[in-house]
Amino acid sequence: MTQPRPGGPAMARPMVIAIDGPAGAGKSTVTRALAKRLGMLFLDTGAMYRAATIGVLDAGIDHDDAQAVAGFVRARHIDFTDAGDVRLDGALLARSRLRSPETTAEIWRVADNPACRSHLVALQQALVAGRDAVVEGRDATTVICPDAQLKIYLDASPEERARRRLSEWPGDKPQPSLMEVVSSIRDRDDRDSHREVGALTLTDDAVHLFTDGLALNEVIARIIAYAVQRQPFLLEKLVLDQLIVGRSRQPGYVRVAPGNLPGASDGWQLGLTNPAPDRMPGTTRSLTRNHGGRQAGTLVQGAAILCLAGRGPVPEHVVALPMLPQTWYIIEPESWHAVIQAHGTICAWAESDRIIEERFELSATQISELESFLGVYLPH
């Protein structure tokens, strides 16, 4: 049984991140990687439409008979394995066939059919009910999960989307020109935007995230940052081996953890920190880790971000948590971390009297990922 999140009933409901946007914007790639990073259910609604389309093609249904197509699709059960692979009536479907040009060319026969859409939406809503999930689909933010805590409209220019599609084009198929794919994408955008049911729509409460020029990790970092703005406790379960979080709901002292490792003296060194030149938004280029004891900090005033990157030999993906008032953050030994403070911020710190610090210079990729978090949390 999973433990409830801290924060009371207001924070108890499942975290649903719904990602919408035009064809070829990278929704499937982003949502799959995002769900894996967060340990959430990944629901690729577009893959369900593709699976239904494959079923129609294989069954020899008259493509122009909307009633026959609807009758066939409404009798199908489509779901996912734990690994995120699609099943049609229990049979696994190859990703290469789901994404094939033949399937893409015919998917509109299912997607534009109201009876097909109502059946598939019901299946999708049943899969998500009561669970943390990342949901991707053309109408994820408007129809499938209209009450999602975070809605992202993932977008890219038609030219960028065409380049991505051509990069995935099967080697044994004749490849169209870039402008032919751009024209096809624009035609599909127009059709999707004017569809009678499940039309492509940018809702007022969605974050419009334009991805031209952004690497995958940068896109994921920004979405995670937006998610944590809405659910501050979302990432704590991901860093249980790196962090102890102590909270007080009442004024007074809270004993959070001993400073040194078991068997050592329990001495603490106390102090306050202001933003250091190399620990502010836009200047952080390294992470550190402590050997020999714990370090504990709390936010006194301003805004600070605690970045954690695992306990391995070198830093891994960064997890960035905004430091909240009335909360102590106890960093475990060997955890790669950085505390980034906005101008005017003060944090109070206590650390073991036996700490030895090690520093690691970040790669350009890690810096861009970190900057993507901070661009949402602490814009500068």
Foldseek 3Di string as FASTA:
>chain_A
DDDAFPDPPVQRFAAEEEEAAAPLLCQVVLQLVLCVLLVFAEAELLLLLLVLLVVCVVVVPDLVPLVSSLVSLLPWDWDADPSGFIDINRHTDDPCSSLAPVSVVSSCSQVLRVSSVVSSLVNLLVVPPRTHYYYYDNQRCPRNCVPHLAYAHRYEQLLVSLVSSQVVHDPVDDGDDSVVSSVVRVVVLVCQQPRPPSRRDDDPRHHYHYCVPHDSLLVSLLSVLVSCVRNQRSCVVVQVVWKFKDADPDDDDDDGDFWFDPPDDRDKDKDKDAADQCQAQPRPFKWKFKPTTKKKKAWDDAWKKKWWADQDPDGHAIDIHIGDHRMMIITGGSITIGIHGYHPTMMMMMHDPPIDMDMDGDDPVNVSSVNSSCCSRPND
